[in-house]
Amino acid sequence: MRAIEKFRKAFIWTGTDAVSGGKYLVAWRKACRPSNIGGLEILDLNILGYALRLCWE
């Protein structure tokens, strides 16, 4: 899951599959917020996975 998140962040912020650090203009949590409160509506896979596990049980 962490590897997938790493690739997603790298692609969204730089357009490539690698990030050398220090290039983020917005915190990831802020980017995952709904657009009506200033976010980019990017799904946070950790939260989504947690919600799916709750529904599964």
PDB file of N, CA and C in Angstrom:
ATOM      1  N   MET A   1       0.829  -1.186   0.000  1.00  0.00           N
ATOM      2  CA  MET A   1       0.000   0.000   0.000  1.00  0.00           C
ATOM      3  C   MET A   1       0.879   1.257   0.000  1.00  0.00           C
ATOM      4  N   ARG A   2       1.941   1.224   0.785  1.00  0.00           N
ATOM      5  CA  ARG A   2       2.830   2.395   0.844  1.00  0.00           C
ATOM      6  C   ARG A   2       3.520   2.647  -0.495  1.00  0.00           C
ATOM      7  N   ALA A   3       3.888   1.569  -1.170  1.00  0.00           N
ATOM      8  CA  ALA A   3       4.548   1.721  -2.473  1.00  0.00           C
ATOM      9  C   ALA A   3       3.600   2.349  -3.491  1.00  0.00           C
ATOM     10  N   ILE A   4       2.341   1.936  -3.466  1.00  0.00           N
ATOM     11  CA  ILE A   4       1.349   2.500  -4.383  1.00  0.00           C
ATOM     12  C   ILE A   4       1.154   3.982  -4.084  1.00  0.00           C
ATOM     13  N   GLU A   5       1.037   4.328  -2.804  1.00  0.00           N
ATOM     14  CA  GLU A   5       0.884   5.738  -2.422  1.00  0.00           C
ATOM     15  C   GLU A   5       2.093   6.559  -2.875  1.00  0.00           C
ATOM     16  N   LYS A   6       3.273   5.992  -2.745  1.00  0.00           N
ATOM     17  CA  LYS A   6       4.491   6.694  -3.143  1.00  0.00           C
ATOM     18  C   LYS A   6       4.461   7.006  -4.639  1.00  0.00           C
ATOM     19  N   PHE A   7       4.067   6.029  -5.461  1.00  0.00           N
ATOM     20  CA  PHE A   7       3.985   6.251  -6.904  1.00  0.00           C
ATOM     21  C   PHE A   7       2.891   7.253  -7.258  1.00  0.00           C
ATOM     22  N   ARG A   8       1.767   7.188  -6.559  1.00  0.00           N
ATOM     23  CA  ARG A   8       0.674   8.138  -6.823  1.00  0.00           C
ATOM     24  C   ARG A   8       1.116   9.566  -6.527  1.00  0.00           C
ATOM     25  N   LYS A   9       1.737   9.752  -5.377  1.00  0.00           N
ATOM     26  CA  LYS A   9       2.204  11.087  -5.008  1.00  0.00           C
ATOM     27  C   LYS A   9       3.234  11.600  -6.007  1.00  0.00           C
ATOM     28  N   ALA A  10       4.170  10.737  -6.375  1.00  0.00           N
ATOM     29  CA  ALA A  10       5.209  11.141  -7.318  1.00  0.00           C
ATOM     30  C   ALA A  10       4.606  11.555  -8.649  1.00  0.00           C
ATOM     31  N   PHE A  11       3.651  10.789  -9.145  1.00  0.00           N
ATOM     32  CA  PHE A  11       3.051  11.110 -10.436  1.00  0.00           C
ATOM     33  C   PHE A  11       2.237  12.394 -10.375  1.00  0.00           C
ATOM     34  N   ILE A  12       1.456  12.566  -9.317  1.00  0.00           N
ATOM     35  CA  ILE A  12       0.617  13.761  -9.212  1.00  0.00           C
ATOM     36  C   ILE A  12       1.464  15.018  -9.084  1.00  0.00           C
ATOM     37  N   TRP A  13       2.533  14.970  -8.294  1.00  0.00           N
ATOM     38  CA  TRP A  13       3.313  16.179  -8.060  1.00  0.00           C
ATOM     39  C   TRP A  13       4.357  16.451  -9.125  1.00  0.00           C
ATOM     40  N   THR A  14       4.949  15.392  -9.715  1.00  0.00           N
ATOM     41  CA  THR A  14       6.046  15.624 -10.657  1.00  0.00           C
ATOM     42  C   THR A  14       5.781  15.095 -12.055  1.00  0.00           C
ATOM     43  N   GLY A  15       4.807  14.210 -12.227  1.00  0.00           N
ATOM     44  CA  GLY A  15       4.534  13.630 -13.533  1.00  0.00           C
ATOM     45  C   GLY A  15       5.446  12.468 -13.880  1.00  0.00           C
ATOM     46  N   THR A  16       6.269  12.038 -12.936  1.00  0.00           N
ATOM     47  CA  THR A  16       7.158  10.898 -13.146  1.00  0.00           C
ATOM     48  C   THR A  16       6.919   9.882 -12.041  1.00  0.00           C
ATOM     49  N   ASP A  17       7.682   8.776 -12.076  1.00  0.00           N
ATOM     50  CA  ASP A  17       7.503   7.751 -11.048  1.00  0.00           C
ATOM     51  C   ASP A  17       8.495   7.880  -9.896  1.00  0.00           C
ATOM     52  N   ALA A  18       9.297   8.938  -9.883  1.00  0.00           N
ATOM     53  CA  ALA A  18      10.281   9.115  -8.813  1.00  0.00           C
ATOM     54  C   ALA A  18      10.242  10.550  -8.289  1.00  0.00           C
ATOM     55  N   VAL A  19      10.387  10.676  -6.982  1.00  0.00           N
ATOM     56  CA  VAL A  19      10.426  11.989  -6.339  1.00  0.00           C
ATOM     57  C   VAL A  19      11.708  12.073  -5.535  1.00  0.00           C
ATOM     58  N   SER A  20      12.414  13.181  -5.670  1.00  0.00           N
ATOM     59  CA  SER A  20      13.656  13.338  -4.924  1.00  0.00           C
ATOM     60  C   SER A  20      13.441  14.075  -3.614  1.00  0.00           C
ATOM     61  N   GLY A  21      12.205  14.464  -3.326  1.00  0.00           N
ATOM     62  CA  GLY A  21      11.889  15.117  -2.064  1.00  0.00           C
ATOM     63  C   GLY A  21      11.867  16.628  -2.175  1.00  0.00           C
ATOM     64  N   GLY A  22      11.066  17.246  -1.331  1.00  0.00           N
ATOM     65  CA  GLY A  22      11.019  18.692  -1.264  1.00  0.00           C
ATOM     66  C   GLY A  22      10.283  19.392  -2.388  1.00  0.00           C
ATOM     67  N   LYS A  23       9.533  18.668  -3.196  1.00  0.00           N
ATOM     68  CA  LYS A  23       8.858  19.280  -4.335  1.00  0.00           C
ATOM     69  C   LYS A  23       7.375  19.519  -4.104  1.00  0.00           C
ATOM     70  N   TYR A  24       6.844  19.063  -3.008  1.00  0.00           N
ATOM     71  CA  TYR A  24       5.410  19.167  -2.771  1.00  0.00           C
ATOM     72  C   TYR A  24       5.027  20.596  -2.427  1.00  0.00           C
ATOM     73  N   LEU A  25       4.010  21.113  -3.094  1.00  0.00           N
ATOM     74  CA  LEU A  25       3.546  22.466  -2.823  1.00  0.00           C
ATOM     75  C   LEU A  25       2.389  22.488  -1.834  1.00  0.00           C
ATOM     76  N   VAL A  26       1.729  21.335  -1.668  1.00  0.00           N
ATOM     77  CA  VAL A  26       0.571  21.217  -0.781  1.00  0.00           C
ATOM     78  C   VAL A  26       0.717  19.913  -0.010  1.00  0.00           C
ATOM     79  N   ALA A  27       0.342  19.916   1.258  1.00  0.00           N
ATOM     80  CA  ALA A  27       0.384  18.692   2.055  1.00  0.00           C
ATOM     81  C   ALA A  27      -0.574  17.658   1.467  1.00  0.00           C
ATOM     82  N   TRP A  28      -0.195  16.383   1.519  1.00  0.00           N
ATOM     83  CA  TRP A  28      -1.008  15.313   0.940  1.00  0.00           C
ATOM     84  C   TRP A  28      -2.394  15.263   1.568  1.00  0.00           C
ATOM     85  N   ARG A  29      -2.492  15.472   2.864  1.00  0.00           N
ATOM     86  CA  ARG A  29      -3.806  15.465   3.525  1.00  0.00           C
ATOM     87  C   ARG A  29      -4.706  16.568   2.981  1.00  0.00           C
ATOM     88  N   LYS A  30      -4.138  17.715   2.686  1.00  0.00           N
ATOM     89  CA  LYS A  30      -4.932  18.806   2.115  1.00  0.00           C
ATOM     90  C   LYS A  30      -5.361  18.478   0.692  1.00  0.00           C
ATOM     91  N   ALA A  31      -4.507  17.805  -0.051  1.00  0.00           N
ATOM     92  CA  ALA A  31      -4.851  17.425  -1.422  1.00  0.00           C
ATOM     93  C   ALA A  31      -5.977  16.391  -1.440  1.00  0.00           C
ATOM     94  N   CYS A  32      -6.087  15.595  -0.394  1.00  0.00           N
ATOM     95  CA  CYS A  32      -7.117  14.555  -0.327  1.00  0.00           C
ATOM     96  C   CYS A  32      -8.465  15.084   0.157  1.00  0.00           C
ATOM     97  N   ARG A  33      -8.531  16.331   0.532  1.00  0.00           N
ATOM     98  CA  ARG A  33      -9.795  16.914   0.995  1.00  0.00           C
ATOM     99  C   ARG A  33     -10.772  17.091  -0.165  1.00  0.00           C
ATOM    100  N   PRO A  34     -12.065  17.205   0.145  1.00  0.00           N
ATOM    101  CA  PRO A  34     -13.050  17.516  -0.899  1.00  0.00           C
ATOM    102  C   PRO A  34     -12.777  18.897  -1.500  1.00  0.00           C
ATOM    103  N   SER A  35     -13.178  19.082  -2.739  1.00  0.00           N
ATOM    104  CA  SER A  35     -12.894  20.351  -3.424  1.00  0.00           C
ATOM    105  C   SER A  35     -13.647  21.532  -2.823  1.00  0.00           C
ATOM    106  N   ASN A  36     -14.789  21.282  -2.192  1.00  0.00           N
ATOM    107  CA  ASN A  36     -15.547  22.402  -1.620  1.00  0.00           C
ATOM    108  C   ASN A  36     -14.865  23.018  -0.400  1.00  0.00           C
ATOM    109  N   ILE A  37     -13.857  22.345   0.155  1.00  0.00           N
ATOM    110  CA  ILE A  37     -13.084  22.941   1.252  1.00  0.00           C
ATOM    111  C   ILE A  37     -11.619  23.114   0.860  1.00  0.00           C
ATOM    112  N   GLY A  38     -11.360  23.201  -0.445  1.00  0.00           N
ATOM    113  CA  GLY A  38     -10.023  23.534  -0.914  1.00  0.00           C
ATOM    114  C   GLY A  38      -9.118  22.384  -1.280  1.00  0.00           C
ATOM    115  N   GLY A  39      -9.630  21.176  -1.338  1.00  0.00           N
ATOM    116  CA  GLY A  39      -8.803  20.028  -1.694  1.00  0.00           C
ATOM    117  C   GLY A  39      -8.881  19.685  -3.167  1.00  0.00           C
ATOM    118  N   LEU A  40      -8.195  18.605  -3.535  1.00  0.00           N
ATOM    119  CA  LEU A  40      -8.173  18.150  -4.923  1.00  0.00           C
ATOM    120  C   LEU A  40      -9.001  16.887  -5.134  1.00  0.00           C
ATOM    121  N   GLU A  41      -9.649  16.412  -4.089  1.00  0.00           N
ATOM    122  CA  GLU A  41     -10.495  15.210  -4.121  1.00  0.00           C
ATOM    123  C   GLU A  41      -9.733  13.958  -4.540  1.00  0.00           C
ATOM    124  N   ILE A  42      -8.490  13.843  -4.111  1.00  0.00           N
ATOM    125  CA  ILE A  42      -7.702  12.641  -4.368  1.00  0.00           C
ATOM    126  C   ILE A  42      -8.034  11.640  -3.270  1.00  0.00           C
ATOM    127  N   LEU A  43      -8.326  10.406  -3.648  1.00  0.00           N
ATOM    128  CA  LEU A  43      -8.652   9.393  -2.649  1.00  0.00           C
ATOM    129  C   LEU A  43      -7.406   9.010  -1.863  1.00  0.00           C
ATOM    130  N   ASP A  44      -7.510   9.021  -0.553  1.00  0.00           N
ATOM    131  CA  ASP A  44      -6.441   8.542   0.314  1.00  0.00           C
ATOM    132  C   ASP A  44      -6.634   7.038   0.448  1.00  0.00           C
ATOM    133  N   LEU A  45      -5.720   6.252  -0.112  1.00  0.00           N
ATOM    134  CA  LEU A  45      -5.890   4.804  -0.143  1.00  0.00           C
ATOM    135  C   LEU A  45      -5.876   4.180   1.245  1.00  0.00           C
ATOM    136  N   ASN A  46      -5.173   4.782   2.189  1.00  0.00           N
ATOM    137  CA  ASN A  46      -5.163   4.243   3.551  1.00  0.00           C
ATOM    138  C   ASN A  46      -6.544   4.354   4.187  1.00  0.00           C
ATOM    139  N   ILE A  47      -7.184   5.494   4.031  1.00  0.00           N
ATOM    140  CA  ILE A  47      -8.525   5.690   4.588  1.00  0.00           C
ATOM    141  C   ILE A  47      -9.535   4.826   3.851  1.00  0.00           C
ATOM    142  N   LEU A  48      -9.411   4.742   2.525  1.00  0.00           N
ATOM    143  CA  LEU A  48     -10.312   3.909   1.737  1.00  0.00           C
ATOM    144  C   LEU A  48     -10.190   2.441   2.135  1.00  0.00           C
ATOM    145  N   GLY A  49      -8.966   1.962   2.313  1.00  0.00           N
ATOM    146  CA  GLY A  49      -8.752   0.580   2.731  1.00  0.00           C
ATOM    147  C   GLY A  49      -9.352   0.303   4.100  1.00  0.00           C
ATOM    148  N   TYR A  50      -9.205   1.248   5.010  1.00  0.00           N
ATOM    149  CA  TYR A  50      -9.783   1.103   6.348  1.00  0.00           C
ATOM    150  C   TYR A  50     -11.305   1.027   6.267  1.00  0.00           C
ATOM    151  N   ALA A  51     -11.905   1.906   5.474  1.00  0.00           N
ATOM    152  CA  ALA A  51     -13.365   1.914   5.328  1.00  0.00           C
ATOM    153  C   ALA A  51     -13.860   0.613   4.703  1.00  0.00           C
ATOM    154  N   LEU A  52     -13.148   0.103   3.723  1.00  0.00           N
ATOM    155  CA  LEU A  52     -13.554  -1.154   3.089  1.00  0.00           C
ATOM    156  C   LEU A  52     -13.449  -2.329   4.054  1.00  0.00           C
ATOM    157  N   ARG A  53     -12.424  -2.319   4.892  1.00  0.00           N
ATOM    158  CA  ARG A  53     -12.302  -3.394   5.891  1.00  0.00           C
ATOM    159  C   ARG A  53     -13.441  -3.329   6.902  1.00  0.00           C
ATOM    160  N   LEU A  54     -13.874  -2.123   7.268  1.00  0.00           N
ATOM    161  CA  LEU A  54     -14.998  -1.987   8.193  1.00  0.00           C
ATOM    162  C   LEU A  54     -16.284  -2.513   7.569  1.00  0.00           C
ATOM    163  N   CYS A  55     -16.487  -2.220   6.287  1.00  0.00           N
ATOM    164  CA  CYS A  55     -17.694  -2.701   5.594  1.00  0.00           C
ATOM    165  C   CYS A  55     -17.669  -4.209   5.425  1.00  0.00           C
ATOM    166  N   TRP A  56     -16.497  -4.780   5.247  1.00  0.00           N
ATOM    167  CA  TRP A  56     -16.364  -6.208   4.986  1.00  0.00           C
ATOM    168  C   TRP A  56     -16.750  -7.034   6.211  1.00  0.00           C
ATOM    169  N   GLU A  57     -16.440  -6.525   7.384  1.00  0.00           N
ATOM    170  CA  GLU A  57     -16.691  -7.295   8.607  1.00  0.00           C
ATOM    171  C   GLU A  57     -18.086  -7.199   9.029  1.00  0.00           C
TER     172      GLU A  57
END
